[in-house]
């Protein structure tokens, strides 16, 4: 046998308010997570940078010396090669181009 449950407009109002509250909590979590991720910067080693750019490490060094790519030294590290690159800087090296500009 099936049973019926009577739902009053007041019950619907309470359920709607509860759902709206839960939805707002979830939206707050999503916004907080996005802002946290956007504030974090990923740094890459020379090896990771060369793999991402699909070029050699000497090419990465050359782009740094030409001022095309910014390198960040780790504070207190005396090793000359201990530099990092912002992933966003590396990705910004890629620019859209048309076929005409390649010729």
PDB file of N, CA and C in Angstrom:
ATOM      1  N   UNK A   1       0.828  -1.182   0.000  1.00  0.00           N
ATOM      2  CA  UNK A   1       0.000   0.000   0.000  1.00  0.00           C
ATOM      3  C   UNK A   1       0.872   1.244   0.000  1.00  0.00           C
ATOM      4  N   UNK A   2       0.400   2.258  -0.673  1.00  0.00           N
ATOM      5  CA  UNK A   2       1.147   3.506  -0.718  1.00  0.00           C
ATOM      6  C   UNK A   2       0.557   4.486   0.284  1.00  0.00           C
ATOM      7  N   UNK A   3       1.429   5.326   0.791  1.00  0.00           N
ATOM      8  CA  UNK A   3       0.974   6.342   1.736  1.00  0.00           C
ATOM      9  C   UNK A   3       1.229   7.709   1.130  1.00  0.00           C
ATOM     10  N   UNK A   4       0.402   8.625   1.499  1.00  0.00           N
ATOM     11  CA  UNK A   4       0.527   9.994   1.022  1.00  0.00           C
ATOM     12  C   UNK A   4       0.955  10.887   2.161  1.00  0.00           C
ATOM     13  N   UNK A   5       1.773  11.848   1.839  1.00  0.00           N
ATOM     14  CA  UNK A   5       2.188  12.817   2.843  1.00  0.00           C
ATOM     15  C   UNK A   5       1.707  14.181   2.374  1.00  0.00           C
ATOM     16  N   UNK A   6       1.024  14.848   3.235  1.00  0.00           N
ATOM     17  CA  UNK A   6       0.498  16.166   2.912  1.00  0.00           C
ATOM     18  C   UNK A   6       1.565  17.207   3.234  1.00  0.00           C
ATOM     19  N   UNK A   7       1.860  18.040   2.233  1.00  0.00           N
ATOM     20  CA  UNK A   7       2.845  19.098   2.405  1.00  0.00           C
ATOM     21  C   UNK A   7       2.113  20.426   2.333  1.00  0.00           C
ATOM     22  N   UNK A   8       2.292  21.203   3.363  1.00  0.00           N
ATOM     23  CA  UNK A   8       1.625  22.507   3.414  1.00  0.00           C
ATOM     24  C   UNK A   8       2.545  23.581   2.834  1.00  0.00           C
ATOM     25  N   UNK A   9       1.985  24.712   2.464  1.00  0.00           N
ATOM     26  CA  UNK A   9       2.825  25.819   1.988  1.00  0.00           C
ATOM     27  C   UNK A   9       3.891  26.219   3.007  1.00  0.00           C
ATOM     28  N   UNK A  10       3.576  26.117   4.280  1.00  0.00           N
ATOM     29  CA  UNK A  10       4.546  26.439   5.324  1.00  0.00           C
ATOM     30  C   UNK A  10       5.720  25.452   5.285  1.00  0.00           C
ATOM     31  N   UNK A  11       5.422  24.154   5.076  1.00  0.00           N
ATOM     32  CA  UNK A  11       6.481  23.146   4.965  1.00  0.00           C
ATOM     33  C   UNK A  11       7.395  23.448   3.780  1.00  0.00           C
ATOM     34  N   UNK A  12       6.802  23.833   2.658  1.00  0.00           N
ATOM     35  CA  UNK A  12       7.586  24.182   1.477  1.00  0.00           C
ATOM     36  C   UNK A  12       8.460  25.402   1.733  1.00  0.00           C
ATOM     37  N   UNK A  13       7.925  26.360   2.453  1.00  0.00           N
ATOM     38  CA  UNK A  13       8.685  27.571   2.764  1.00  0.00           C
ATOM     39  C   UNK A  13       9.892  27.241   3.635  1.00  0.00           C
ATOM     40  N   UNK A  14       9.704  26.403   4.628  1.00  0.00           N
ATOM     41  CA  UNK A  14      10.799  26.006   5.514  1.00  0.00           C
ATOM     42  C   UNK A  14      11.858  25.227   4.722  1.00  0.00           C
ATOM     43  N   UNK A  15      11.427  24.318   3.872  1.00  0.00           N
ATOM     44  CA  UNK A  15      12.361  23.527   3.071  1.00  0.00           C
ATOM     45  C   UNK A  15      13.136  24.421   2.105  1.00  0.00           C
ATOM     46  N   UNK A  16      12.455  25.382   1.499  1.00  0.00           N
ATOM     47  CA  UNK A  16      13.106  26.306   0.568  1.00  0.00           C
ATOM     48  C   UNK A  16      14.160  27.136   1.275  1.00  0.00           C
ATOM     49  N   UNK A  17      13.835  27.652   2.448  1.00  0.00           N
ATOM     50  CA  UNK A  17      14.798  28.453   3.208  1.00  0.00           C
ATOM     51  C   UNK A  17      16.013  27.616   3.603  1.00  0.00           C
ATOM     52  N   UNK A  18      15.783  26.375   3.975  1.00  0.00           N
ATOM     53  CA  UNK A  18      16.882  25.487   4.343  1.00  0.00           C
ATOM     54  C   UNK A  18      17.791  25.225   3.138  1.00  0.00           C
ATOM     55  N   UNK A  19      17.190  24.964   1.983  1.00  0.00           N
ATOM     56  CA  UNK A  19      17.979  24.744   0.769  1.00  0.00           C
ATOM     57  C   UNK A  19      18.749  25.994   0.368  1.00  0.00           C
ATOM     58  N   UNK A  20      18.122  27.158   0.479  1.00  0.00           N
ATOM     59  CA  UNK A  20      18.808  28.410   0.147  1.00  0.00           C
ATOM     60  C   UNK A  20      20.004  28.635   1.065  1.00  0.00           C
ATOM     61  N   UNK A  21      19.835  28.320   2.339  1.00  0.00           N
ATOM     62  CA  UNK A  21      20.919  28.477   3.301  1.00  0.00           C
ATOM     63  C   UNK A  21      22.089  27.551   2.959  1.00  0.00           C
ATOM     64  N   UNK A  22      21.785  26.292   2.662  1.00  0.00           N
ATOM     65  CA  UNK A  22      22.834  25.331   2.301  1.00  0.00           C
ATOM     66  C   UNK A  22      23.523  25.739   1.001  1.00  0.00           C
ATOM     67  N   UNK A  23      22.747  26.216   0.030  1.00  0.00           N
ATOM     68  CA  UNK A  23      23.315  26.665  -1.237  1.00  0.00           C
ATOM     69  C   UNK A  23      24.267  27.837  -1.012  1.00  0.00           C
ATOM     70  N   UNK A  24      23.875  28.779  -0.170  1.00  0.00           N
ATOM     71  CA  UNK A  24      24.731  29.934   0.112  1.00  0.00           C
ATOM     72  C   UNK A  24      26.029  29.503   0.796  1.00  0.00           C
ATOM     73  N   UNK A  25      25.943  28.536   1.705  1.00  0.00           N
ATOM     74  CA  UNK A  25      27.149  28.010   2.353  1.00  0.00           C
ATOM     75  C   UNK A  25      28.099  27.405   1.316  1.00  0.00           C
ATOM     76  N   UNK A  26      27.548  26.632   0.389  1.00  0.00           N
ATOM     77  CA  UNK A  26      28.372  26.029  -0.659  1.00  0.00           C
ATOM     78  C   UNK A  26      28.992  27.091  -1.558  1.00  0.00           C
ATOM     79  N   UNK A  27      28.234  28.110  -1.904  1.00  0.00           N
ATOM     80  CA  UNK A  27      28.761  29.187  -2.746  1.00  0.00           C
ATOM     81  C   UNK A  27      29.892  29.924  -2.033  1.00  0.00           C
ATOM     82  N   UNK A  28      29.747  30.156  -0.740  1.00  0.00           N
ATOM     83  CA  UNK A  28      30.806  30.810   0.032  1.00  0.00           C
ATOM     84  C   UNK A  28      32.088  29.975   0.022  1.00  0.00           C
ATOM     85  N   UNK A  29      31.939  28.661   0.148  1.00  0.00           N
ATOM     86  CA  UNK A  29      33.098  27.767   0.119  1.00  0.00           C
ATOM     87  C   UNK A  29      33.777  27.820  -1.247  1.00  0.00           C
ATOM     88  N   UNK A  30      32.989  27.800  -2.314  1.00  0.00           N
ATOM     89  CA  UNK A  30      33.545  27.845  -3.671  1.00  0.00           C
ATOM     90  C   UNK A  30      34.288  29.150  -3.906  1.00  0.00           C
ATOM     91  N   UNK A  31      33.703  30.271  -3.509  1.00  0.00           N
ATOM     92  CA  UNK A  31      34.339  31.577  -3.699  1.00  0.00           C
ATOM     93  C   UNK A  31      35.634  31.657  -2.900  1.00  0.00           C
ATOM     94  N   UNK A  32      35.611  31.168  -1.665  1.00  0.00           N
ATOM     95  CA  UNK A  32      36.811  31.189  -0.829  1.00  0.00           C
ATOM     96  C   UNK A  32      37.910  30.333  -1.448  1.00  0.00           C
ATOM     97  N   UNK A  33      37.550  29.165  -1.959  1.00  0.00           N
ATOM     98  CA  UNK A  33      38.524  28.262  -2.578  1.00  0.00           C
ATOM     99  C   UNK A  33      39.127  28.889  -3.828  1.00  0.00           C
ATOM    100  N   UNK A  34      38.292  29.532  -4.638  1.00  0.00           N
ATOM    101  CA  UNK A  34      38.796  30.180  -5.854  1.00  0.00           C
ATOM    102  C   UNK A  34      39.747  31.315  -5.515  1.00  0.00           C
ATOM    103  N   UNK A  35      39.405  32.124  -4.515  1.00  0.00           N
ATOM    104  CA  UNK A  35      40.272  33.247  -4.169  1.00  0.00           C
ATOM    105  C   UNK A  35      41.588  32.756  -3.574  1.00  0.00           C
ATOM    106  N   UNK A  36      41.549  31.663  -2.836  1.00  0.00           N
ATOM    107  CA  UNK A  36      42.774  31.091  -2.280  1.00  0.00           C
ATOM    108  C   UNK A  36      43.671  30.578  -3.399  1.00  0.00           C
ATOM    109  N   UNK A  37      43.093  29.877  -4.365  1.00  0.00           N
ATOM    110  CA  UNK A  37      43.880  29.347  -5.472  1.00  0.00           C
ATOM    111  C   UNK A  37      44.437  30.458  -6.341  1.00  0.00           C
ATOM    112  N   UNK A  38      43.680  31.542  -6.520  1.00  0.00           N
ATOM    113  CA  UNK A  38      44.178  32.622  -7.371  1.00  0.00           C
ATOM    114  C   UNK A  38      45.308  33.387  -6.692  1.00  0.00           C
ATOM    115  N   UNK A  39      45.363  33.357  -5.355  1.00  0.00           N
ATOM    116  CA  UNK A  39      46.434  34.041  -4.640  1.00  0.00           C
ATOM    117  C   UNK A  39      47.713  33.209  -4.585  1.00  0.00           C
ATOM    118  N   UNK A  40      47.590  31.918  -4.811  1.00  0.00           N
ATOM    119  CA  UNK A  40      48.761  31.048  -4.782  1.00  0.00           C
ATOM    120  C   UNK A  40      49.463  31.108  -6.132  1.00  0.00           C
ATOM    121  N   UNK A  41      50.769  31.196  -6.109  1.00  0.00           N
ATOM    122  CA  UNK A  41      51.560  31.213  -7.339  1.00  0.00           C
ATOM    123  C   UNK A  41      52.399  29.951  -7.384  1.00  0.00           C
ATOM    124  N   UNK A  42      52.382  29.287  -8.507  1.00  0.00           N
ATOM    125  CA  UNK A  42      53.169  28.080  -8.689  1.00  0.00           C
ATOM    126  C   UNK A  42      54.517  28.449  -9.288  1.00  0.00           C
ATOM    127  N   UNK A  43      55.579  27.937  -8.687  1.00  0.00           N
ATOM    128  CA  UNK A  43      56.924  28.187  -9.185  1.00  0.00           C
ATOM    129  C   UNK A  43      57.484  26.907  -9.793  1.00  0.00           C
ATOM    130  N   UNK A  44      58.232  27.067 -10.872  1.00  0.00           N
ATOM    131  CA  UNK A  44      58.808  25.939 -11.597  1.00  0.00           C
ATOM    132  C   UNK A  44      60.329  25.991 -11.556  1.00  0.00           C
ATOM    133  N   UNK A  45      60.955  24.836 -11.596  1.00  0.00           N
ATOM    134  CA  UNK A  45      62.413  24.762 -11.716  1.00  0.00           C
ATOM    135  C   UNK A  45      62.792  24.991 -13.182  1.00  0.00           C
ATOM    136  N   UNK A  46      64.097  25.087 -13.449  1.00  0.00           N
ATOM    137  CA  UNK A  46      64.551  25.230 -14.840  1.00  0.00           C
ATOM    138  C   UNK A  46      64.129  24.021 -15.673  1.00  0.00           C
ATOM    139  N   UNK A  47      64.246  22.842 -15.080  1.00  0.00           N
ATOM    140  CA  UNK A  47      63.889  21.623 -15.798  1.00  0.00           C
ATOM    141  C   UNK A  47      62.402  21.615 -16.139  1.00  0.00           C
ATOM    142  N   UNK A  48      61.568  21.958 -15.161  1.00  0.00           N
ATOM    143  CA  UNK A  48      60.125  21.992 -15.399  1.00  0.00           C
ATOM    144  C   UNK A  48      59.768  23.047 -16.439  1.00  0.00           C
ATOM    145  N   UNK A  49      60.456  24.188 -16.369  1.00  0.00           N
ATOM    146  CA  UNK A  49      60.209  25.262 -17.328  1.00  0.00           C
ATOM    147  C   UNK A  49      60.600  24.833 -18.734  1.00  0.00           C
ATOM    148  N   UNK A  50      61.753  24.182 -18.862  1.00  0.00           N
ATOM    149  CA  UNK A  50      62.188  23.744 -20.194  1.00  0.00           C
ATOM    150  C   UNK A  50      61.239  22.694 -20.766  1.00  0.00           C
ATOM    151  N   UNK A  51      60.716  21.822 -19.914  1.00  0.00           N
ATOM    152  CA  UNK A  51      59.751  20.824 -20.389  1.00  0.00           C
ATOM    153  C   UNK A  51      58.453  21.484 -20.825  1.00  0.00           C
ATOM    154  N   UNK A  52      57.997  22.463 -20.051  1.00  0.00           N
ATOM    155  CA  UNK A  52      56.754  23.152 -20.390  1.00  0.00           C
ATOM    156  C   UNK A  52      56.895  23.933 -21.697  1.00  0.00           C
ATOM    157  N   UNK A  53      58.047  24.565 -21.883  1.00  0.00           N
ATOM    158  CA  UNK A  53      58.295  25.329 -23.109  1.00  0.00           C
ATOM    159  C   UNK A  53      58.773  24.449 -24.264  1.00  0.00           C
ATOM    160  N   UNK A  54      59.108  23.196 -23.943  1.00  0.00           N
ATOM    161  CA  UNK A  54      59.648  22.254 -24.929  1.00  0.00           C
ATOM    162  C   UNK A  54      60.901  22.823 -25.593  1.00  0.00           C
ATOM    163  N   UNK A  55      61.806  23.240 -24.724  1.00  0.00           N
ATOM    164  CA  UNK A  55      63.092  23.759 -25.188  1.00  0.00           C
ATOM    165  C   UNK A  55      64.177  23.285 -24.226  1.00  0.00           C
ATOM    166  N   UNK A  56      65.417  23.581 -24.550  1.00  0.00           N
ATOM    167  CA  UNK A  56      66.531  23.146 -23.705  1.00  0.00           C
ATOM    168  C   UNK A  56      66.740  24.115 -22.539  1.00  0.00           C
ATOM    169  N   UNK A  57      67.491  23.667 -21.543  1.00  0.00           N
ATOM    170  CA  UNK A  57      67.826  24.526 -20.405  1.00  0.00           C
ATOM    171  C   UNK A  57      68.665  25.720 -20.851  1.00  0.00           C
ATOM    172  N   UNK A  58      69.632  25.551 -21.775  1.00  0.00           N
ATOM    173  CA  UNK A  58      70.345  26.742 -22.263  1.00  0.00           C
ATOM    174  C   UNK A  58      69.417  27.776 -22.914  1.00  0.00           C
ATOM    175  N   UNK A  59      68.348  27.316 -23.566  1.00  0.00           N
ATOM    176  CA  UNK A  59      67.381  28.256 -24.144  1.00  0.00           C
ATOM    177  C   UNK A  59      66.652  29.013 -23.043  1.00  0.00           C
ATOM    178  N   UNK A  60      66.309  28.320 -21.955  1.00  0.00           N
ATOM    179  CA  UNK A  60      65.681  28.996 -20.811  1.00  0.00           C
ATOM    180  C   UNK A  60      66.640  30.046 -20.263  1.00  0.00           C
ATOM    181  N   UNK A  61      67.917  29.680 -20.099  1.00  0.00           N
ATOM    182  CA  UNK A  61      68.921  30.635 -19.604  1.00  0.00           C
ATOM    183  C   UNK A  61      69.040  31.841 -20.536  1.00  0.00           C
ATOM    184  N   UNK A  62      69.005  31.582 -21.833  1.00  0.00           N
ATOM    185  CA  UNK A  62      69.115  32.668 -22.808  1.00  0.00           C
ATOM    186  C   UNK A  62      67.911  33.613 -22.720  1.00  0.00           C
ATOM    187  N   UNK A  63      66.728  33.055 -22.533  1.00  0.00           N
ATOM    188  CA  UNK A  63      65.531  33.903 -22.415  1.00  0.00           C
ATOM    189  C   UNK A  63      65.572  34.748 -21.146  1.00  0.00           C
ATOM    190  N   UNK A  64      66.189  34.218 -20.104  1.00  0.00           N
ATOM    191  CA  UNK A  64      66.365  34.996 -18.872  1.00  0.00           C
ATOM    192  C   UNK A  64      67.341  36.137 -19.133  1.00  0.00           C
ATOM    193  N   UNK A  65      68.481  35.847 -19.772  1.00  0.00           N
ATOM    194  CA  UNK A  65      69.490  36.892 -20.015  1.00  0.00           C
ATOM    195  C   UNK A  65      68.988  37.938 -21.009  1.00  0.00           C
ATOM    196  N   UNK A  66      68.061  37.553 -21.892  1.00  0.00           N
ATOM    197  CA  UNK A  66      67.475  38.504 -22.838  1.00  0.00           C
ATOM    198  C   UNK A  66      66.345  39.318 -22.214  1.00  0.00           C
ATOM    199  N   UNK A  67      65.937  38.954 -20.999  1.00  0.00           N
ATOM    200  CA  UNK A  67      64.859  39.667 -20.326  1.00  0.00           C
ATOM    201  C   UNK A  67      63.471  39.226 -20.749  1.00  0.00           C
ATOM    202  N   UNK A  68      63.392  38.133 -21.484  1.00  0.00           N
ATOM    203  CA  UNK A  68      62.100  37.621 -21.939  1.00  0.00           C
ATOM    204  C   UNK A  68      61.379  36.892 -20.808  1.00  0.00           C
ATOM    205  N   UNK A  69      62.148  36.278 -19.922  1.00  0.00           N
ATOM    206  CA  UNK A  69      61.603  35.489 -18.818  1.00  0.00           C
ATOM    207  C   UNK A  69      62.261  35.925 -17.519  1.00  0.00           C
ATOM    208  N   UNK A  70      61.447  36.137 -16.494  1.00  0.00           N
ATOM    209  CA  UNK A  70      61.971  36.551 -15.184  1.00  0.00           C
ATOM    210  C   UNK A  70      62.276  35.330 -14.331  1.00  0.00           C
ATOM    211  N   UNK A  71      63.449  35.338 -13.705  1.00  0.00           N
ATOM    212  CA  UNK A  71      63.854  34.266 -12.798  1.00  0.00           C
ATOM    213  C   UNK A  71      63.853  34.811 -11.379  1.00  0.00           C
ATOM    214  N   UNK A  72      63.475  33.971 -10.427  1.00  0.00           N
ATOM    215  CA  UNK A  72      63.418  34.353  -9.021  1.00  0.00           C
ATOM    216  C   UNK A  72      64.376  33.477  -8.239  1.00  0.00           C
ATOM    217  N   UNK A  73      65.304  34.111  -7.539  1.00  0.00           N
ATOM    218  CA  UNK A  73      66.294  33.392  -6.736  1.00  0.00           C
ATOM    219  C   UNK A  73      65.704  33.081  -5.367  1.00  0.00           C
ATOM    220  N   UNK A  74      66.037  31.935  -4.865  1.00  0.00           N
ATOM    221  CA  UNK A  74      65.587  31.531  -3.543  1.00  0.00           C
ATOM    222  C   UNK A  74      66.474  32.218  -2.514  1.00  0.00           C
ATOM    223  N   UNK A  75      65.852  32.947  -1.590  1.00  0.00           N
ATOM    224  CA  UNK A  75      66.599  33.718  -0.596  1.00  0.00           C
ATOM    225  C   UNK A  75      67.490  32.803   0.239  1.00  0.00           C
ATOM    226  N   UNK A  76      68.749  33.206   0.375  1.00  0.00           N
ATOM    227  CA  UNK A  76      69.687  32.466   1.203  1.00  0.00           C
ATOM    228  C   UNK A  76      70.375  31.319   0.498  1.00  0.00           C
ATOM    229  N   UNK A  77      69.938  31.005  -0.714  1.00  0.00           N
ATOM    230  CA  UNK A  77      70.557  29.904  -1.453  1.00  0.00           C
ATOM    231  C   UNK A  77      71.726  30.447  -2.263  1.00  0.00           C
ATOM    232  N   UNK A  78      72.891  29.876  -2.074  1.00  0.00           N
ATOM    233  CA  UNK A  78      74.094  30.383  -2.742  1.00  0.00           C
ATOM    234  C   UNK A  78      74.370  29.692  -4.070  1.00  0.00           C
ATOM    235  N   UNK A  79      73.610  28.665  -4.382  1.00  0.00           N
ATOM    236  CA  UNK A  79      73.804  27.955  -5.643  1.00  0.00           C
ATOM    237  C   UNK A  79      73.247  28.813  -6.773  1.00  0.00           C
ATOM    238  N   UNK A  80      74.067  29.066  -7.780  1.00  0.00           N
ATOM    239  CA  UNK A  80      73.683  29.957  -8.869  1.00  0.00           C
ATOM    240  C   UNK A  80      72.467  29.441  -9.635  1.00  0.00           C
ATOM    241  N   UNK A  81      72.333  28.133  -9.737  1.00  0.00           N
ATOM    242  CA  UNK A  81      71.248  27.563 -10.535  1.00  0.00           C
ATOM    243  C   UNK A  81      69.935  27.433  -9.774  1.00  0.00           C
ATOM    244  N   UNK A  82      69.926  27.802  -8.509  1.00  0.00           N
ATOM    245  CA  UNK A  82      68.717  27.636  -7.702  1.00  0.00           C
ATOM    246  C   UNK A  82      67.759  28.800  -7.934  1.00  0.00           C
ATOM    247  N   UNK A  83      67.182  28.838  -9.120  1.00  0.00           N
ATOM    248  CA  UNK A  83      66.198  29.863  -9.444  1.00  0.00           C
ATOM    249  C   UNK A  83      64.882  29.181  -9.774  1.00  0.00           C
ATOM    250  N   UNK A  84      63.823  29.939  -9.672  1.00  0.00           N
ATOM    251  CA  UNK A  84      62.489  29.439 -10.001  1.00  0.00           C
ATOM    252  C   UNK A  84      61.828  30.426 -10.951  1.00  0.00           C
ATOM    253  N   UNK A  85      60.812  29.927 -11.639  1.00  0.00           N
ATOM    254  CA  UNK A  85      60.071  30.730 -12.597  1.00  0.00           C
ATOM    255  C   UNK A  85      58.591  30.640 -12.269  1.00  0.00           C
ATOM    256  N   UNK A  86      57.904  31.774 -12.328  1.00  0.00           N
ATOM    257  CA  UNK A  86      56.466  31.754 -12.107  1.00  0.00           C
ATOM    258  C   UNK A  86      55.811  31.054 -13.287  1.00  0.00           C
ATOM    259  N   UNK A  87      54.951  30.108 -12.976  1.00  0.00           N
ATOM    260  CA  UNK A  87      54.273  29.371 -14.039  1.00  0.00           C
ATOM    261  C   UNK A  87      53.455  30.318 -14.908  1.00  0.00           C
ATOM    262  N   UNK A  88      52.844  31.314 -14.300  1.00  0.00           N
ATOM    263  CA  UNK A  88      52.047  32.270 -15.075  1.00  0.00           C
ATOM    264  C   UNK A  88      52.922  33.042 -16.054  1.00  0.00           C
ATOM    265  N   UNK A  89      54.161  33.395 -15.652  1.00  0.00           N
ATOM    266  CA  UNK A  89      55.088  34.079 -16.564  1.00  0.00           C
ATOM    267  C   UNK A  89      55.452  33.183 -17.744  1.00  0.00           C
ATOM    268  N   UNK A  90      55.680  31.916 -17.451  1.00  0.00           N
ATOM    269  CA  UNK A  90      56.053  30.972 -18.506  1.00  0.00           C
ATOM    270  C   UNK A  90      54.896  30.796 -19.488  1.00  0.00           C
ATOM    271  N   UNK A  91      53.689  30.644 -18.966  1.00  0.00           N
ATOM    272  CA  UNK A  91      52.527  30.464 -19.837  1.00  0.00           C
ATOM    273  C   UNK A  91      52.235  31.714 -20.657  1.00  0.00           C
ATOM    274  N   UNK A  92      52.584  32.889 -20.121  1.00  0.00           N
ATOM    275  CA  UNK A  92      52.362  34.134 -20.857  1.00  0.00           C
ATOM    276  C   UNK A  92      53.306  34.283 -22.044  1.00  0.00           C
ATOM    277  N   UNK A  93      54.339  33.453 -22.130  1.00  0.00           N
ATOM    278  CA  UNK A  93      55.222  33.492 -23.293  1.00  0.00           C
ATOM    279  C   UNK A  93      54.515  32.981 -24.544  1.00  0.00           C
ATOM    280  N   UNK A  94      53.491  32.164 -24.342  1.00  0.00           N
ATOM    281  CA  UNK A  94      52.727  31.654 -25.474  1.00  0.00           C
ATOM    282  C   UNK A  94      51.720  32.707 -25.897  1.00  0.00           C
ATOM    283  N   UNK A  95      51.796  33.119 -27.157  1.00  0.00           N
ATOM    284  CA  UNK A  95      50.855  34.108 -27.676  1.00  0.00           C
ATOM    285  C   UNK A  95      50.189  33.543 -28.917  1.00  0.00           C
ATOM    286  N   UNK A  96      48.918  33.868 -29.107  1.00  0.00           N
ATOM    287  CA  UNK A  96      48.252  33.391 -30.318  1.00  0.00           C
ATOM    288  C   UNK A  96      48.851  34.077 -31.544  1.00  0.00           C
ATOM    289  N   UNK A  97      48.966  33.336 -32.608  1.00  0.00           N
ATOM    290  CA  UNK A  97      49.485  33.927 -33.835  1.00  0.00           C
ATOM    291  C   UNK A  97      48.696  33.397 -35.018  1.00  0.00           C
ATOM    292  N   UNK A  98      48.657  34.190 -36.063  1.00  0.00           N
ATOM    293  CA  UNK A  98      47.985  33.747 -37.278  1.00  0.00           C
ATOM    294  C   UNK A  98      49.017  33.139 -38.215  1.00  0.00           C
ATOM    295  N   UNK A  99      48.558  32.499 -39.228  1.00  0.00           N
ATOM    296  CA  UNK A  99      49.459  31.865 -40.190  1.00  0.00           C
ATOM    297  C   UNK A  99      50.339  32.903 -40.871  1.00  0.00           C
ATOM    298  N   UNK A 100      49.809  34.114 -41.090  1.00  0.00           N
ATOM    299  CA  UNK A 100      50.561  35.179 -41.762  1.00  0.00           C
ATOM    300  C   UNK A 100      51.793  35.593 -40.972  1.00  0.00           C
ATOM    301  N   UNK A 101      51.712  35.566 -39.633  1.00  0.00           N
ATOM    302  CA  UNK A 101      52.849  36.005 -38.825  1.00  0.00           C
ATOM    303  C   UNK A 101      53.940  34.949 -38.743  1.00  0.00           C
ATOM    304  N   UNK A 102      53.616  33.720 -39.091  1.00  0.00           N
ATOM    305  CA  UNK A 102      54.593  32.640 -39.026  1.00  0.00           C
ATOM    306  C   UNK A 102      55.505  32.655 -40.248  1.00  0.00           C
ATOM    307  N   UNK A 103      54.991  33.092 -41.392  1.00  0.00           N
ATOM    308  CA  UNK A 103      55.773  33.097 -42.646  1.00  0.00           C
ATOM    309  C   UNK A 103      57.020  33.921 -42.541  1.00  0.00           C
TER     310      UNK A 103
END
